[in-house]
Amino acid sequence: MIIIVIYCLLIWLPNAAYSKFGQFIARFVAPFLRLFSFARIGMVDISPVIALIVLQVLQSILMRIEILVLNLL
């Protein structure tokens, strides 16, 4: 999840997104954020916020499944 936050910060900094590091991060984050590209309010893209919420929900679900499986053993 932290990689999405780093990507968003790089987008805001001038020319940081076009550095080698910015391009490296974008290879991982941009395809995932494109799944949520519908999330725009005017010119503001809120896809990173939606992506973070989705990741948090998935993490919560996986933790509950893990607890259920461990209780079965």
PDB file of N, CA and C in Angstrom:
ATOM      1  N   MET A   1       0.822  -1.190   0.000  1.00  0.00           N
ATOM      2  CA  MET A   1       0.000   0.000   0.000  1.00  0.00           C
ATOM      3  C   MET A   1       0.869   1.258   0.000  1.00  0.00           C
ATOM      4  N   ILE A   2       2.022   1.158   0.613  1.00  0.00           N
ATOM      5  CA  ILE A   2       2.897   2.327   0.686  1.00  0.00           C
ATOM      6  C   ILE A   2       3.402   2.725  -0.697  1.00  0.00           C
ATOM      7  N   ILE A   3       3.498   1.759  -1.592  1.00  0.00           N
ATOM      8  CA  ILE A   3       3.988   2.060  -2.938  1.00  0.00           C
ATOM      9  C   ILE A   3       3.001   2.971  -3.682  1.00  0.00           C
ATOM     10  N   ILE A   4       1.707   2.859  -3.398  1.00  0.00           N
ATOM     11  CA  ILE A   4       0.715   3.735  -4.016  1.00  0.00           C
ATOM     12  C   ILE A   4       0.896   5.168  -3.500  1.00  0.00           C
ATOM     13  N   VAL A   5       1.151   5.303  -2.214  1.00  0.00           N
ATOM     14  CA  VAL A   5       1.375   6.633  -1.632  1.00  0.00           C
ATOM     15  C   VAL A   5       2.642   7.259  -2.219  1.00  0.00           C
ATOM     16  N   ILE A   6       3.703   6.470  -2.350  1.00  0.00           N
ATOM     17  CA  ILE A   6       4.942   6.980  -2.943  1.00  0.00           C
ATOM     18  C   ILE A   6       4.697   7.422  -4.379  1.00  0.00           C
ATOM     19  N   TYR A   7       3.953   6.631  -5.128  1.00  0.00           N
ATOM     20  CA  TYR A   7       3.632   6.973  -6.515  1.00  0.00           C
ATOM     21  C   TYR A   7       2.868   8.300  -6.578  1.00  0.00           C
ATOM     22  N   CYS A   8       1.898   8.476  -5.707  1.00  0.00           N
ATOM     23  CA  CYS A   8       1.122   9.721  -5.696  1.00  0.00           C
ATOM     24  C   CYS A   8       1.999  10.922  -5.361  1.00  0.00           C
ATOM     25  N   LEU A   9       2.912  10.757  -4.439  1.00  0.00           N
ATOM     26  CA  LEU A   9       3.825  11.855  -4.107  1.00  0.00           C
ATOM     27  C   LEU A   9       4.746  12.176  -5.282  1.00  0.00           C
ATOM     28  N   LEU A  10       5.199  11.155  -5.983  1.00  0.00           N
ATOM     29  CA  LEU A  10       6.074  11.381  -7.138  1.00  0.00           C
ATOM     30  C   LEU A  10       5.343  12.121  -8.253  1.00  0.00           C
ATOM     31  N   ILE A  11       4.054  11.858  -8.405  1.00  0.00           N
ATOM     32  CA  ILE A  11       3.274  12.533  -9.433  1.00  0.00           C
ATOM     33  C   ILE A  11       3.183  14.031  -9.137  1.00  0.00           C
ATOM     34  N   TRP A  12       3.132  14.392  -7.867  1.00  0.00           N
ATOM     35  CA  TRP A  12       2.990  15.791  -7.490  1.00  0.00           C
ATOM     36  C   TRP A  12       4.292  16.569  -7.598  1.00  0.00           C
ATOM     37  N   LEU A  13       5.417  15.880  -7.483  1.00  0.00           N
ATOM     38  CA  LEU A  13       6.713  16.562  -7.546  1.00  0.00           C
ATOM     39  C   LEU A  13       7.129  16.745  -9.006  1.00  0.00           C
ATOM     40  N   PRO A  14       7.610  17.946  -9.346  1.00  0.00           N
ATOM     41  CA  PRO A  14       7.996  18.192 -10.746  1.00  0.00           C
ATOM     42  C   PRO A  14       9.105  17.243 -11.212  1.00  0.00           C
ATOM     43  N   ASN A  15       8.880  16.583 -12.315  1.00  0.00           N
ATOM     44  CA  ASN A  15       9.829  15.681 -12.979  1.00  0.00           C
ATOM     45  C   ASN A  15      10.200  14.438 -12.172  1.00  0.00           C
ATOM     46  N   ALA A  16       9.657  14.257 -10.984  1.00  0.00           N
ATOM     47  CA  ALA A  16       9.997  13.081 -10.181  1.00  0.00           C
ATOM     48  C   ALA A  16       9.402  11.813 -10.785  1.00  0.00           C
ATOM     49  N   ALA A  17       8.244  11.931 -11.390  1.00  0.00           N
ATOM     50  CA  ALA A  17       7.606  10.755 -11.981  1.00  0.00           C
ATOM     51  C   ALA A  17       8.346  10.263 -13.215  1.00  0.00           C
ATOM     52  N   TYR A  18       9.154  11.130 -13.817  1.00  0.00           N
ATOM     53  CA  TYR A  18       9.893  10.750 -15.024  1.00  0.00           C
ATOM     54  C   TYR A  18      11.312  10.286 -14.721  1.00  0.00           C
ATOM     55  N   SER A  19      11.683  10.254 -13.448  1.00  0.00           N
ATOM     56  CA  SER A  19      13.006   9.739 -13.080  1.00  0.00           C
ATOM     57  C   SER A  19      12.995   8.215 -13.195  1.00  0.00           C
ATOM     58  N   LYS A  20      14.163   7.613 -13.108  1.00  0.00           N
ATOM     59  CA  LYS A  20      14.245   6.141 -13.166  1.00  0.00           C
ATOM     60  C   LYS A  20      13.420   5.516 -12.045  1.00  0.00           C
ATOM     61  N   PHE A  21      13.522   6.095 -10.852  1.00  0.00           N
ATOM     62  CA  PHE A  21      12.776   5.577  -9.714  1.00  0.00           C
ATOM     63  C   PHE A  21      11.271   5.730  -9.943  1.00  0.00           C
ATOM     64  N   GLY A  22      10.857   6.884 -10.451  1.00  0.00           N
ATOM     65  CA  GLY A  22       9.443   7.122 -10.727  1.00  0.00           C
ATOM     66  C   GLY A  22       8.894   6.170 -11.772  1.00  0.00           C
ATOM     67  N   GLN A  23       9.669   5.892 -12.801  1.00  0.00           N
ATOM     68  CA  GLN A  23       9.240   4.955 -13.834  1.00  0.00           C
ATOM     69  C   GLN A  23       9.169   3.532 -13.295  1.00  0.00           C
ATOM     70  N   PHE A  24      10.095   3.188 -12.417  1.00  0.00           N
ATOM     71  CA  PHE A  24      10.091   1.861 -11.801  1.00  0.00           C
ATOM     72  C   PHE A  24       8.831   1.661 -10.960  1.00  0.00           C
ATOM     73  N   ILE A  25       8.495   2.651 -10.152  1.00  0.00           N
ATOM     74  CA  ILE A  25       7.298   2.575  -9.314  1.00  0.00           C
ATOM     75  C   ILE A  25       6.044   2.536 -10.193  1.00  0.00           C
ATOM     76  N   ALA A  26       6.039   3.344 -11.251  1.00  0.00           N
ATOM     77  CA  ALA A  26       4.862   3.425 -12.132  1.00  0.00           C
ATOM     78  C   ALA A  26       4.572   2.093 -12.812  1.00  0.00           C
ATOM     79  N   ARG A  27       5.603   1.304 -13.090  1.00  0.00           N
ATOM     80  CA  ARG A  27       5.377  -0.005 -13.723  1.00  0.00           C
ATOM     81  C   ARG A  27       4.505  -0.916 -12.867  1.00  0.00           C
ATOM     82  N   PHE A  28       4.587  -0.764 -11.573  1.00  0.00           N
ATOM     83  CA  PHE A  28       3.814  -1.613 -10.670  1.00  0.00           C
ATOM     84  C   PHE A  28       2.462  -1.005 -10.307  1.00  0.00           C
ATOM     85  N   VAL A  29       2.434   0.300 -10.109  1.00  0.00           N
ATOM     86  CA  VAL A  29       1.240   0.945  -9.576  1.00  0.00           C
ATOM     87  C   VAL A  29       0.240   1.346 -10.665  1.00  0.00           C
ATOM     88  N   ALA A  30       0.718   1.881 -11.774  1.00  0.00           N
ATOM     89  CA  ALA A  30      -0.176   2.415 -12.810  1.00  0.00           C
ATOM     90  C   ALA A  30      -1.174   1.378 -13.339  1.00  0.00           C
ATOM     91  N   PRO A  31      -0.773   0.147 -13.626  1.00  0.00           N
ATOM     92  CA  PRO A  31      -1.776  -0.826 -14.103  1.00  0.00           C
ATOM     93  C   PRO A  31      -2.879  -1.098 -13.077  1.00  0.00           C
ATOM     94  N   PHE A  32      -2.517  -1.133 -11.803  1.00  0.00           N
ATOM     95  CA  PHE A  32      -3.520  -1.359 -10.759  1.00  0.00           C
ATOM     96  C   PHE A  32      -4.450  -0.160 -10.631  1.00  0.00           C
ATOM     97  N   LEU A  33      -3.901   1.047 -10.711  1.00  0.00           N
ATOM     98  CA  LEU A  33      -4.738   2.238 -10.593  1.00  0.00           C
ATOM     99  C   LEU A  33      -5.659   2.407 -11.794  1.00  0.00           C
ATOM    100  N   ARG A  34      -5.261   1.882 -12.950  1.00  0.00           N
ATOM    101  CA  ARG A  34      -6.130   1.967 -14.129  1.00  0.00           C
ATOM    102  C   ARG A  34      -7.442   1.217 -13.926  1.00  0.00           C
ATOM    103  N   LEU A  35      -7.440   0.227 -13.044  1.00  0.00           N
ATOM    104  CA  LEU A  35      -8.685  -0.483 -12.738  1.00  0.00           C
ATOM    105  C   LEU A  35      -9.727   0.456 -12.140  1.00  0.00           C
ATOM    106  N   PHE A  36      -9.254   1.520 -11.491  1.00  0.00           N
ATOM    107  CA  PHE A  36     -10.145   2.450 -10.801  1.00  0.00           C
ATOM    108  C   PHE A  36     -10.161   3.818 -11.478  1.00  0.00           C
ATOM    109  N   SER A  37      -9.861   3.850 -12.759  1.00  0.00           N
ATOM    110  CA  SER A  37      -9.773   5.125 -13.470  1.00  0.00           C
ATOM    111  C   SER A  37     -11.127   5.827 -13.610  1.00  0.00           C
ATOM    112  N   PHE A  38     -12.205   5.118 -13.325  1.00  0.00           N
ATOM    113  CA  PHE A  38     -13.535   5.725 -13.373  1.00  0.00           C
ATOM    114  C   PHE A  38     -13.740   6.711 -12.223  1.00  0.00           C
ATOM    115  N   ALA A  39     -12.898   6.645 -11.216  1.00  0.00           N
ATOM    116  CA  ALA A  39     -13.079   7.446 -10.004  1.00  0.00           C
ATOM    117  C   ALA A  39     -12.478   8.842 -10.177  1.00  0.00           C
ATOM    118  N   ARG A  40     -13.246   9.700 -10.769  1.00  0.00           N
ATOM    119  CA  ARG A  40     -12.829  11.094 -10.945  1.00  0.00           C
ATOM    120  C   ARG A  40     -13.956  12.007 -10.482  1.00  0.00           C
ATOM    121  N   ILE A  41     -13.564  13.066  -9.822  1.00  0.00           N
ATOM    122  CA  ILE A  41     -14.496  14.120  -9.441  1.00  0.00           C
ATOM    123  C   ILE A  41     -13.982  15.379 -10.120  1.00  0.00           C
ATOM    124  N   GLY A  42     -14.615  15.741 -11.211  1.00  0.00           N
ATOM    125  CA  GLY A  42     -14.104  16.852 -12.004  1.00  0.00           C
ATOM    126  C   GLY A  42     -12.763  16.478 -12.598  1.00  0.00           C
ATOM    127  N   MET A  43     -11.747  17.260 -12.286  1.00  0.00           N
ATOM    128  CA  MET A  43     -10.399  16.966 -12.769  1.00  0.00           C
ATOM    129  C   MET A  43      -9.559  16.243 -11.718  1.00  0.00           C
ATOM    130  N   VAL A  44     -10.145  15.935 -10.583  1.00  0.00           N
ATOM    131  CA  VAL A  44      -9.426  15.286  -9.486  1.00  0.00           C
ATOM    132  C   VAL A  44      -9.599  13.774  -9.600  1.00  0.00           C
ATOM    133  N   ASP A  45      -8.476  13.086  -9.686  1.00  0.00           N
ATOM    134  CA  ASP A  45      -8.484  11.627  -9.788  1.00  0.00           C
ATOM    135  C   ASP A  45      -8.385  11.039  -8.384  1.00  0.00           C
ATOM    136  N   ILE A  46      -9.420  10.335  -7.968  1.00  0.00           N
ATOM    137  CA  ILE A  46      -9.406   9.735  -6.635  1.00  0.00           C
ATOM    138  C   ILE A  46      -9.170   8.227  -6.703  1.00  0.00           C
ATOM    139  N   SER A  47      -8.661   7.751  -7.837  1.00  0.00           N
ATOM    140  CA  SER A  47      -8.407   6.315  -7.968  1.00  0.00           C
ATOM    141  C   SER A  47      -7.411   5.786  -6.935  1.00  0.00           C
ATOM    142  N   PRO A  48      -6.378   6.551  -6.514  1.00  0.00           N
ATOM    143  CA  PRO A  48      -5.505   6.024  -5.458  1.00  0.00           C
ATOM    144  C   PRO A  48      -6.244   5.791  -4.140  1.00  0.00           C
ATOM    145  N   VAL A  49      -7.184   6.662  -3.818  1.00  0.00           N
ATOM    146  CA  VAL A  49      -7.958   6.494  -2.580  1.00  0.00           C
ATOM    147  C   VAL A  49      -8.822   5.239  -2.671  1.00  0.00           C
ATOM    148  N   ILE A  50      -9.482   5.052  -3.800  1.00  0.00           N
ATOM    149  CA  ILE A  50     -10.310   3.858  -4.006  1.00  0.00           C
ATOM    150  C   ILE A  50      -9.444   2.607  -3.955  1.00  0.00           C
ATOM    151  N   ALA A  51      -8.271   2.663  -4.586  1.00  0.00           N
ATOM    152  CA  ALA A  51      -7.364   1.513  -4.592  1.00  0.00           C
ATOM    153  C   ALA A  51      -6.906   1.168  -3.174  1.00  0.00           C
ATOM    154  N   LEU A  52      -6.590   2.170  -2.366  1.00  0.00           N
ATOM    155  CA  LEU A  52      -6.179   1.914  -0.987  1.00  0.00           C
ATOM    156  C   LEU A  52      -7.312   1.315  -0.163  1.00  0.00           C
ATOM    157  N   ILE A  53      -8.526   1.786  -0.389  1.00  0.00           N
ATOM    158  CA  ILE A  53      -9.679   1.227   0.329  1.00  0.00           C
ATOM    159  C   ILE A  53      -9.894  -0.227  -0.072  1.00  0.00           C
ATOM    160  N   VAL A  54      -9.797  -0.522  -1.357  1.00  0.00           N
ATOM    161  CA  VAL A  54      -9.969  -1.896  -1.836  1.00  0.00           C
ATOM    162  C   VAL A  54      -8.889  -2.804  -1.239  1.00  0.00           C
ATOM    163  N   LEU A  55      -7.653  -2.342  -1.224  1.00  0.00           N
ATOM    164  CA  LEU A  55      -6.573  -3.151  -0.651  1.00  0.00           C
ATOM    165  C   LEU A  55      -6.788  -3.388   0.837  1.00  0.00           C
ATOM    166  N   GLN A  56      -7.278  -2.377   1.543  1.00  0.00           N
ATOM    167  CA  GLN A  56      -7.546  -2.522   2.975  1.00  0.00           C
ATOM    168  C   GLN A  56      -8.654  -3.539   3.214  1.00  0.00           C
ATOM    169  N   VAL A  57      -9.708  -3.495   2.412  1.00  0.00           N
ATOM    170  CA  VAL A  57     -10.814  -4.455   2.555  1.00  0.00           C
ATOM    171  C   VAL A  57     -10.331  -5.870   2.243  1.00  0.00           C
ATOM    172  N   LEU A  58      -9.552  -6.026   1.175  1.00  0.00           N
ATOM    173  CA  LEU A  58      -9.012  -7.352   0.837  1.00  0.00           C
ATOM    174  C   LEU A  58      -8.108  -7.893   1.938  1.00  0.00           C
ATOM    175  N   GLN A  59      -7.302  -7.015   2.512  1.00  0.00           N
ATOM    176  CA  GLN A  59      -6.430  -7.441   3.604  1.00  0.00           C
ATOM    177  C   GLN A  59      -7.257  -7.908   4.796  1.00  0.00           C
ATOM    178  N   SER A  60      -8.317  -7.192   5.097  1.00  0.00           N
ATOM    179  CA  SER A  60      -9.186  -7.566   6.211  1.00  0.00           C
ATOM    180  C   SER A  60      -9.855  -8.915   5.963  1.00  0.00           C
ATOM    181  N   ILE A  61     -10.332  -9.117   4.750  1.00  0.00           N
ATOM    182  CA  ILE A  61     -10.973 -10.394   4.402  1.00  0.00           C
ATOM    183  C   ILE A  61      -9.980 -11.542   4.500  1.00  0.00           C
ATOM    184  N   LEU A  62      -8.782 -11.335   3.983  1.00  0.00           N
ATOM    185  CA  LEU A  62      -7.766 -12.393   4.039  1.00  0.00           C
ATOM    186  C   LEU A  62      -7.348 -12.710   5.477  1.00  0.00           C
ATOM    187  N   MET A  63      -7.303 -11.698   6.317  1.00  0.00           N
ATOM    188  CA  MET A  63      -6.958 -11.940   7.724  1.00  0.00           C
ATOM    189  C   MET A  63      -8.039 -12.780   8.406  1.00  0.00           C
ATOM    190  N   ARG A  64      -9.307 -12.493   8.087  1.00  0.00           N
ATOM    191  CA  ARG A  64     -10.400 -13.277   8.680  1.00  0.00           C
ATOM    192  C   ARG A  64     -10.383 -14.717   8.184  1.00  0.00           C
ATOM    193  N   ILE A  65     -10.086 -14.900   6.917  1.00  0.00           N
ATOM    194  CA  ILE A  65      -9.976 -16.262   6.379  1.00  0.00           C
ATOM    195  C   ILE A  65      -8.833 -17.003   7.051  1.00  0.00           C
ATOM    196  N   GLU A  66      -7.720 -16.317   7.244  1.00  0.00           N
ATOM    197  CA  GLU A  66      -6.568 -16.934   7.904  1.00  0.00           C
ATOM    198  C   GLU A  66      -6.931 -17.371   9.328  1.00  0.00           C
ATOM    199  N   ILE A  67      -7.626 -16.524  10.040  1.00  0.00           N
ATOM    200  CA  ILE A  67      -8.027 -16.868  11.407  1.00  0.00           C
ATOM    201  C   ILE A  67      -8.961 -18.061  11.409  1.00  0.00           C
ATOM    202  N   LEU A  68      -9.916 -18.098  10.477  1.00  0.00           N
ATOM    203  CA  LEU A  68     -10.835 -19.224  10.391  1.00  0.00           C
ATOM    204  C   LEU A  68     -10.094 -20.525  10.081  1.00  0.00           C
ATOM    205  N   VAL A  69      -9.152 -20.477   9.174  1.00  0.00           N
ATOM    206  CA  VAL A  69      -8.387 -21.678   8.803  1.00  0.00           C
ATOM    207  C   VAL A  69      -7.539 -22.145   9.973  1.00  0.00           C
ATOM    208  N   LEU A  70      -6.897 -21.212  10.652  1.00  0.00           N
ATOM    209  CA  LEU A  70      -6.066 -21.593  11.790  1.00  0.00           C
ATOM    210  C   LEU A  70      -6.895 -22.175  12.934  1.00  0.00           C
ATOM    211  N   ASN A  71      -8.105 -21.711  13.097  1.00  0.00           N
ATOM    212  CA  ASN A  71      -8.985 -22.254  14.137  1.00  0.00           C
ATOM    213  C   ASN A  71      -9.462 -23.667  13.795  1.00  0.00           C
ATOM    214  N   LEU A  72      -9.528 -23.975  12.500  1.00  0.00           N
ATOM    215  CA  LEU A  72      -9.926 -25.307  12.086  1.00  0.00           C
ATOM    216  C   LEU A  72      -8.839 -26.344  12.324  1.00  0.00           C
ATOM    217  N   LEU A  73      -7.603 -25.876  12.333  1.00  0.00           N
ATOM    218  CA  LEU A  73      -6.478 -26.813  12.517  1.00  0.00           C
ATOM    219  C   LEU A  73      -6.329 -27.158  13.932  1.00  0.00           C
TER     220      LEU A  73
END
